[in-house]
Protein backbone atom coordinates (compact mmCIF):
# COMPACT_ATOMS: atom_id res chain seq x y z
CA MET A 1 9.69 -11.12 -0.16
CA GLN A 2 6.43 -10.23 -1.90
CA GLN A 3 4.65 -6.94 -1.24
CA GLY A 4 1.84 -8.74 0.56
CA GLU A 5 4.27 -10.37 2.97
CA GLN A 6 5.69 -6.96 3.80
CA VAL A 7 2.22 -5.78 4.75
CA LEU A 8 1.68 -8.76 7.06
CA HIS A 9 4.95 -8.30 8.94
CA LYS A 10 5.28 -4.52 8.86
CA GLY A 11 4.38 -4.04 12.52
CA ALA A 12 7.50 -5.80 13.76
CA SER A 13 9.94 -4.91 11.00
CA ASP A 14 10.51 -1.25 11.72
CA LEU A 15 10.75 -1.10 15.52
CA ASN A 16 14.50 -0.57 15.52
CA VAL A 17 17.06 1.28 13.43
CA ALA A 18 20.71 0.34 12.99
CA LYS A 19 22.59 0.37 16.29
CA SER A 20 25.07 2.91 15.00
CA ASP A 21 22.19 5.38 14.60
CA GLN A 22 20.66 4.87 18.04
CA PHE A 23 20.33 8.13 19.98
CA LEU A 24 17.31 7.49 22.18
CA GLN A 25 16.63 3.88 23.13
CA ILE A 26 13.50 2.67 24.88
CA ASP A 27 13.66 -0.96 25.96
CA ARG A 28 10.52 -2.78 27.15
CA LEU A 29 9.26 0.30 28.94
CA SER A 30 6.06 -0.13 30.97
CA LYS A 31 3.91 1.98 33.26
CA SER A 32 0.96 0.83 35.34
CA PHE A 33 -1.44 2.84 37.48
CA ASP A 34 -2.94 0.47 40.05
CA GLU A 35 -4.38 -2.33 37.88
CA MET A 36 -4.36 -0.34 34.63
CA VAL A 37 -1.45 -0.75 32.21
CA ALA A 38 -0.91 2.60 30.47
CA VAL A 39 2.27 1.67 28.57
CA ASP A 40 2.90 -2.00 27.86
CA ALA A 41 6.54 -3.09 27.33
CA VAL A 42 7.30 -0.87 24.33
CA SER A 43 10.71 -0.79 22.63
CA LEU A 44 11.99 1.81 20.19
CA SER A 45 15.18 3.39 18.84
CA ILE A 46 15.27 6.96 17.55
CA LYS A 47 18.05 8.48 15.45
CA LYS A 48 19.81 11.74 16.26
CA GLY A 49 18.08 14.69 14.58
CA GLU A 50 14.91 12.72 13.93
CA ILE A 51 11.39 14.03 14.54
CA PHE A 52 9.36 11.10 15.84
CA ALA A 53 5.59 11.21 16.47
CA LEU A 54 3.56 9.17 18.95
CA LEU A 55 0.12 9.00 17.40
CA GLY A 56 -3.06 7.58 18.84
CA ALA A 57 -6.48 8.20 20.33
CA SER A 58 -6.99 9.58 23.83
CA GLY A 59 -5.99 7.06 26.50
CA CYS A 60 -3.65 5.04 24.26
CA GLY A 61 -0.58 5.76 26.46
CA LYS A 62 1.26 8.28 24.29
CA SER A 63 1.30 11.12 26.86
CA THR A 64 2.33 8.74 29.64
CA LEU A 65 5.27 7.59 27.52
CA LEU A 66 6.27 11.20 26.84
CA ARG A 67 6.11 12.01 30.57
CA MET A 68 8.38 9.04 31.34
CA LEU A 69 10.91 10.40 28.84
CA ALA A 70 10.70 13.79 30.58
CA GLY A 71 11.07 12.23 34.03
CA PHE A 72 7.63 13.30 35.26
CA GLU A 73 6.50 9.68 35.58
CA THR A 74 8.59 6.78 36.95
CA PRO A 75 8.49 3.62 34.79
CA SER A 76 7.17 0.42 36.34
CA SER A 77 9.83 -1.48 34.37
CA GLY A 78 12.15 -1.11 31.40
CA THR A 79 14.94 1.33 30.57
CA ILE A 80 15.52 4.64 28.77
CA LEU A 81 18.95 5.36 27.31
CA LEU A 82 19.97 8.74 25.88
CA GLU A 83 23.25 8.60 23.96
CA GLY A 84 24.04 5.40 25.85
CA GLN A 85 23.40 6.93 29.30
CA ASP A 86 20.71 5.33 31.46
CA ILE A 87 18.28 8.12 32.41
CA THR A 88 15.38 5.86 33.49
CA TYR A 89 15.31 7.10 37.08
CA MET A 90 17.18 10.38 36.63
CA PRO A 91 15.24 13.37 38.03
CA PRO A 92 13.73 15.72 35.41
CA TYR A 93 15.96 18.69 36.28
CA LEU A 94 19.12 16.67 35.57
CA ARG A 95 18.00 15.38 32.18
CA PRO A 96 19.25 17.21 29.04
CA ILE A 97 15.63 17.30 27.92
CA ASN A 98 13.09 20.10 27.52
CA MET A 99 9.35 19.71 27.13
CA MET A 100 6.95 22.10 25.44
CA PHE A 101 3.40 21.78 26.71
CA GLN A 102 0.15 22.23 24.78
CA SER A 103 -0.75 25.23 26.94
CA TYR A 104 2.75 26.70 26.30
CA ALA A 105 3.00 27.53 30.07
CA LEU A 106 4.34 31.05 29.40
CA PHE A 107 4.73 33.42 32.35
CA PRO A 108 2.02 36.06 31.81
CA HIS A 109 3.87 38.81 33.75
CA LEU A 110 7.11 38.42 31.76
CA THR A 111 7.95 39.79 28.33
CA VAL A 112 8.88 37.62 25.37
CA TRP A 113 12.57 38.23 26.04
CA GLU A 114 12.22 37.42 29.75
CA ASN A 115 10.24 34.22 29.02
CA VAL A 116 12.94 32.95 26.68
CA ALA A 117 15.71 33.88 29.12
CA PHE A 118 14.01 32.44 32.21
CA GLY A 119 15.55 28.96 32.19
CA LEU A 120 19.01 30.30 31.38
CA LYS A 121 18.89 32.69 34.34
CA ARG A 122 17.85 29.90 36.67
CA ASP A 123 20.86 27.90 35.50
CA GLY A 124 23.12 30.80 36.48
CA MET A 125 24.42 31.45 32.97
CA PRO A 126 26.50 34.66 32.61
CA ALA A 127 24.46 37.68 31.46
CA ALA A 128 26.42 38.19 28.24
CA GLU A 129 25.90 34.57 27.24
CA ILE A 130 22.19 34.81 28.07
CA ASP A 131 21.86 37.86 25.82
CA GLN A 132 23.60 36.08 22.97
CA ARG A 133 21.55 32.89 23.34
CA VAL A 134 18.21 34.71 23.61
CA GLU A 135 18.96 36.91 20.62
CA ALA A 136 19.80 33.85 18.55
CA MET A 137 16.55 32.10 19.54
CA LEU A 138 14.43 35.20 18.85
CA ALA A 139 16.01 35.55 15.41
CA LEU A 140 15.44 31.87 14.66
CA THR A 141 11.76 32.07 15.61
CA GLN A 142 11.24 35.53 14.03
CA LEU A 143 10.20 37.10 17.33
CA LYS A 144 12.57 40.08 17.49
CA PRO A 145 9.83 42.66 16.79
CA PHE A 146 7.86 41.36 19.81
CA VAL A 147 10.55 41.18 22.52
CA LYS A 148 8.83 43.70 24.82
CA ARG A 149 5.35 42.23 24.49
CA LYS A 150 3.73 39.99 27.06
CA PRO A 151 1.99 36.71 26.13
CA HIS A 152 -1.54 38.18 26.11
CA GLN A 153 -0.41 40.67 23.47
CA LEU A 154 0.60 37.90 21.07
CA SER A 155 -1.34 35.70 18.67
CA GLY A 156 -1.60 31.97 19.29
CA GLY A 157 1.07 31.24 16.70
CA GLN A 158 3.44 33.81 18.24
CA GLN A 159 2.92 32.34 21.72
CA GLN A 160 3.73 28.92 20.31
CA ARG A 161 7.01 30.26 18.90
CA VAL A 162 7.92 31.86 22.25
CA ALA A 163 7.41 28.51 23.98
CA LEU A 164 9.58 26.84 21.34
CA ALA A 165 12.31 29.48 21.65
CA ARG A 166 12.35 29.02 25.43
CA SER A 167 12.58 25.24 25.04
CA LEU A 168 15.45 25.46 22.55
CA ALA A 169 17.38 28.17 24.41
CA LYS A 170 18.87 25.64 26.84
CA ARG A 171 20.08 23.55 23.89
CA PRO A 172 18.50 20.28 25.03
CA LYS A 173 19.64 17.01 23.54
CA LEU A 174 16.02 15.92 23.30
CA LEU A 175 12.93 18.10 22.74
CA LEU A 176 9.51 16.76 23.77
CA LEU A 177 6.36 18.28 22.27
CA ASP A 178 2.98 17.55 23.87
CA GLU A 179 0.23 18.34 21.31
CA PRO A 180 2.32 21.36 20.21
CA LEU A 181 -0.29 22.87 17.90
CA GLY A 182 -3.46 21.77 19.68
CA ALA A 183 -4.34 25.28 20.86
CA LEU A 184 -4.30 26.77 17.33
CA ASP A 185 -7.16 26.98 14.85
CA LYS A 186 -7.06 24.70 11.80
CA LYS A 187 -5.61 27.16 9.26
CA LEU A 188 -2.95 28.52 11.63
CA ARG A 189 -2.09 24.98 12.72
CA GLU A 190 -1.45 23.95 9.11
CA GLU A 191 0.75 27.00 8.50
CA THR A 192 2.69 26.48 11.72
CA GLN A 193 3.45 22.80 11.12
CA ILE A 194 5.94 23.54 8.34
CA GLU A 195 7.42 26.48 10.23
CA LEU A 196 7.95 24.40 13.37
CA VAL A 197 9.66 21.57 11.46
CA SER A 198 11.94 24.09 9.74
CA ILE A 199 13.08 25.55 13.07
CA ILE A 200 13.66 22.14 14.68
CA LYS A 201 15.66 20.96 11.67
CA GLN A 202 17.78 24.14 11.66
CA VAL A 203 18.70 23.59 15.29
CA GLY A 204 19.27 19.87 14.69
CA VAL A 205 17.63 18.79 17.94
CA THR A 206 16.10 15.30 18.23
CA CYS A 207 12.35 15.56 18.86
CA VAL A 208 9.59 13.29 20.12
CA MET A 209 6.07 14.68 19.76
CA VAL A 210 2.66 13.50 20.89
CA THR A 211 -0.43 14.13 18.80
CA HIS A 212 -3.86 12.66 18.09
CA ASP A 213 -3.96 14.46 14.72
CA GLN A 214 -2.78 12.07 12.00
CA GLU A 215 -2.35 14.87 9.43
CA GLU A 216 -0.10 16.76 11.87
CA ALA A 217 2.00 13.65 12.54
CA MET A 218 2.38 12.84 8.85
CA THR A 219 3.30 16.44 7.98
CA MET A 220 5.86 16.97 10.73
CA ALA A 221 7.44 13.62 11.58
CA ASP A 222 10.21 11.61 9.91
CA ARG A 223 8.70 8.47 11.45
CA ILE A 224 5.53 7.76 13.38
CA THR A 225 4.10 5.04 15.57
CA VAL A 226 0.41 4.28 15.99
CA MET A 227 -0.40 3.38 19.60
CA GLN A 228 -3.35 1.49 21.05
CA LYS A 229 -3.81 0.24 24.61
CA GLY A 230 -0.24 1.11 25.53
CA ARG A 231 1.37 -0.77 22.64
CA PHE A 232 2.98 0.12 19.32
CA LEU A 233 0.87 -1.30 16.50
CA GLN A 234 3.16 -0.10 13.72
CA VAL A 235 6.28 2.05 13.36
CA GLY A 236 7.52 3.53 10.10
CA GLU A 237 7.78 6.50 7.79
CA PRO A 238 4.41 8.25 7.26
CA HIS A 239 3.97 7.14 3.64
CA ALA A 240 4.77 3.51 4.55
CA VAL A 241 2.26 3.40 7.41
CA TYR A 242 -0.39 5.04 5.22
CA GLU A 243 0.15 2.92 2.11
CA THR A 244 0.88 -0.42 3.82
CA PRO A 245 -0.98 -0.47 7.16
CA ALA A 246 -0.33 -3.55 9.29
CA SER A 247 -3.88 -3.90 10.64
CA ARG A 248 -7.44 -2.69 10.25
CA TYR A 249 -7.02 -0.36 13.22
CA VAL A 250 -3.98 1.35 11.69
CA ALA A 251 -5.64 1.56 8.27
CA ASP A 252 -8.74 3.16 9.79
CA PHE A 253 -6.85 5.49 12.13
CA ILE A 254 -4.48 6.88 9.49
CA GLY A 255 -6.71 8.67 7.01
CA ASN A 256 -9.92 7.34 5.48
CA VAL A 257 -10.24 3.77 4.28
CA ASN A 258 -12.84 1.40 2.83
CA LEU A 259 -12.66 -2.11 4.29
CA PHE A 260 -14.16 -5.01 2.32
CA LYS A 261 -14.54 -8.50 3.77
CA GLY A 262 -13.67 -11.52 1.68
CA ASN A 263 -12.05 -14.94 1.37
CA VAL A 264 -8.85 -15.78 -0.49
CA VAL A 265 -9.76 -18.19 -3.29
CA VAL A 266 -6.54 -18.00 -5.34
CA ASP A 267 -3.10 -17.49 -3.82
CA GLU A 268 -0.30 -17.36 -6.39
CA ALA A 269 3.19 -15.87 -6.27
CA ASP A 270 2.22 -12.89 -8.43
CA HIS A 271 -1.46 -12.37 -7.59
CA VAL A 272 -4.28 -13.14 -5.18
CA ILE A 273 -8.01 -13.32 -5.82
CA ILE A 274 -10.41 -12.50 -3.01
CA GLU A 275 -14.16 -13.02 -3.24
CA GLY A 276 -16.54 -11.02 -1.08
CA PRO A 277 -20.20 -9.98 -1.00
CA GLU A 278 -19.55 -6.70 -2.82
CA CYS A 279 -17.17 -7.84 -5.55
CA LYS A 280 -14.16 -9.95 -6.55
CA HIS A 281 -10.73 -8.42 -5.91
CA TYR A 282 -7.73 -9.16 -8.10
CA VAL A 283 -4.65 -8.21 -6.06
CA SER A 284 -1.53 -7.80 -8.19
CA HIS A 285 0.94 -9.22 -5.67
CA GLY A 286 1.25 -12.44 -3.73
CA ILE A 287 0.69 -12.96 -0.02
CA THR A 288 1.63 -16.65 0.45
CA GLY A 289 -0.10 -19.12 2.75
CA THR A 290 -3.51 -17.45 2.89
CA GLU A 291 -5.71 -19.56 0.60
CA GLY A 292 -9.11 -20.06 2.21
CA MET A 293 -8.42 -17.42 4.85
CA GLN A 294 -10.92 -14.68 5.65
CA VAL A 295 -9.29 -11.30 5.16
CA HIS A 296 -10.08 -7.63 4.81
CA VAL A 297 -9.26 -5.59 1.74
CA ALA A 298 -8.26 -2.00 2.49
CA LEU A 299 -8.76 0.62 -0.21
CA ARG A 300 -8.15 4.35 0.19
CA PRO A 301 -10.93 6.67 -1.12
CA GLU A 302 -8.57 8.62 -3.40
CA LYS A 303 -7.52 5.43 -5.21
CA ILE A 304 -11.05 4.64 -6.43
CA GLY A 305 -12.38 5.80 -9.79
CA LEU A 306 -16.06 6.68 -10.25
CA GLN A 307 -17.96 6.84 -13.54
CA ARG A 308 -21.33 6.23 -15.16
CA ASN A 309 -20.32 3.26 -17.31
CA PRO A 310 -18.72 -0.06 -16.32
CA PRO A 311 -14.93 0.17 -16.26
CA THR A 312 -12.82 -1.66 -18.81
CA PRO A 313 -9.89 -3.98 -18.00
CA GLU A 314 -7.61 -1.36 -19.58
CA GLN A 315 -8.56 1.13 -16.88
CA ARG A 316 -7.63 -1.37 -14.17
CA GLU A 317 -4.09 -1.93 -15.40
CA SER A 318 -3.13 -4.96 -13.30
CA VAL A 319 -6.38 -6.90 -13.79
CA ALA A 320 -5.78 -9.90 -16.04
CA GLU A 321 -9.43 -10.39 -17.00
CA ASP A 322 -12.79 -8.69 -16.67
CA GLY A 323 -15.12 -9.07 -13.67
CA TYR A 324 -12.74 -7.87 -10.96
CA ASN A 325 -12.15 -4.69 -8.94
CA PHE A 326 -15.38 -2.81 -9.49
CA ALA A 327 -18.80 -2.47 -7.87
CA ARG A 328 -22.04 -0.77 -8.83
CA GLY A 329 -23.93 1.59 -6.57
CA VAL A 330 -25.92 4.80 -6.14
CA ILE A 331 -24.52 8.15 -4.99
CA LYS A 332 -26.25 8.82 -1.66
CA ASN A 333 -24.21 11.80 -0.51
CA MET A 334 -21.59 14.13 -1.96
CA ALA A 335 -19.65 17.19 -0.84
CA TYR A 336 -17.76 19.62 -3.06
CA LEU A 337 -14.63 20.73 -1.19
CA GLY A 338 -12.88 22.80 -3.83
CA SER A 339 -9.85 20.76 -4.83
CA TYR A 340 -11.77 17.49 -4.56
CA THR A 341 -15.28 16.07 -4.16
CA THR A 342 -16.19 13.28 -1.76
CA TYR A 343 -18.87 10.78 -2.72
CA HIS A 344 -20.67 8.25 -0.54
CA VAL A 345 -21.79 5.42 -2.80
CA LYS A 346 -24.21 2.79 -1.54
CA LEU A 347 -23.44 -0.55 -3.17
CA GLU A 348 -26.00 -3.19 -4.08
CA THR A 349 -25.21 -5.16 -0.90
CA GLY A 350 -26.01 -2.12 1.26
CA MET A 351 -22.37 -1.29 2.05
CA THR A 352 -21.47 2.40 1.64
CA ILE A 353 -18.00 3.32 0.40
CA LYS A 354 -16.26 6.69 0.36
CA ILE A 355 -14.62 7.97 -2.82
CA MET A 356 -12.54 11.11 -3.30
CA GLN A 357 -12.20 12.57 -6.81
CA THR A 358 -9.87 15.42 -7.72
CA ASN A 359 -11.60 18.37 -9.40
CA ALA A 360 -8.99 18.73 -12.13
CA ALA A 361 -11.28 20.45 -14.66
CA ARG A 362 -13.09 23.72 -13.98
CA HIS A 363 -16.17 22.57 -15.89
CA GLU A 364 -17.15 18.92 -16.08
CA GLU A 365 -19.69 17.91 -18.70
CA THR A 366 -20.10 14.40 -17.26
CA ARG A 367 -20.41 15.50 -13.63
CA LEU A 368 -22.06 12.92 -11.40
CA GLU A 369 -24.98 14.05 -9.25
CA LEU A 370 -26.79 12.89 -6.14
CA GLY A 371 -28.92 9.83 -6.89
CA ASP A 372 -26.97 8.82 -10.00
CA GLU A 373 -26.09 5.18 -10.54
CA ALA A 374 -22.32 4.82 -10.94
CA TYR A 375 -19.49 2.30 -11.03
CA ALA A 376 -16.61 2.41 -8.54
CA TRP A 377 -13.39 0.79 -9.77
CA TRP A 378 -9.77 0.43 -8.72
CA ASP A 379 -6.45 -1.03 -9.71
CA GLY A 380 -5.20 -4.28 -8.15
CA SER A 381 -1.91 -2.67 -7.14
CA ASP A 382 -3.75 -0.20 -4.86
CA VAL A 383 -5.30 -2.92 -2.70
CA VAL A 384 -3.84 -3.82 0.71
CA VAL A 385 -4.80 -7.22 2.14
CA LEU A 386 -5.07 -7.32 5.94
CA THR A 387 -5.21 -10.47 8.03
CA GLN A 388 -5.62 -8.74 11.40
């Protein structure tokens, strides 16, 4: 199968893993509220020990799906199997599942130790075993110095770790995270992402998380799904979804993307040529069966070069001849962000594209400035052709 074909069929190809690896199975699960369908017949298999992220905009159905897994919402149809056991209509308190909420839901009048021990005490666990379990969780989450503090005496990151320790103390088979880092500021959220993954992996618990933050999902999850209108648009590993999006919506939702319109004029086994208002694209892989079709070309900002002079064919390695994969424009906006600079370049057709250039050198003699005319160029292997 050619690379282009993989792009066209990606949405359906990764919905299931091998049956021997199935730990959590969701089969045609749906939920409707009156006339509104919140979750629309979704199916998915998750492996044991996997961190899986439900990613999408507000109202896409991801939180409703998580609440059905927790037992807080009753499905309209479909089934949920956990290690082969049907838990679709099992009450929440009988499920071997714990959920950590965005607000953390810590008891303000209890200490860190008492918060972590709360669920164990309610289950009637012997005191000695509670002590041992709580101590282990506090050590894992590096909270031992704060055992006597109450939630208001902790930072946001520390509160998040208390909520995680409490969720893990009961040793659930499945951990559900609802926007787990949403209450933290940007810098602390970035620091905590790696820490949280490390703790979950050490414990070995299977995890399903909900987030609207694509960077958070791609940093933390082994696999992700992009949801829209209650459906899964694409399921796969983060790099696969980013590099080979199945649709314009997925391409636009995951990161930044430039979308060019065009028509396929040449469709060969090893390359495709697409002509559009802005330029001609030489794509260095086949798609098959698309000649004459109107398509979109997706191109990530970091994969575009920008320079004063027209690019040569040698720069665009997979271009067989000159005249392809570049466009001329004027820099209308730019922002220096330390490690990279973003440029907004207005092309001759009026379309504006976004380009990200790494600031590899401390001093650049040929630095481009606002108002400069410049050429944007790219390699044919970096283009993704989308038919939907």
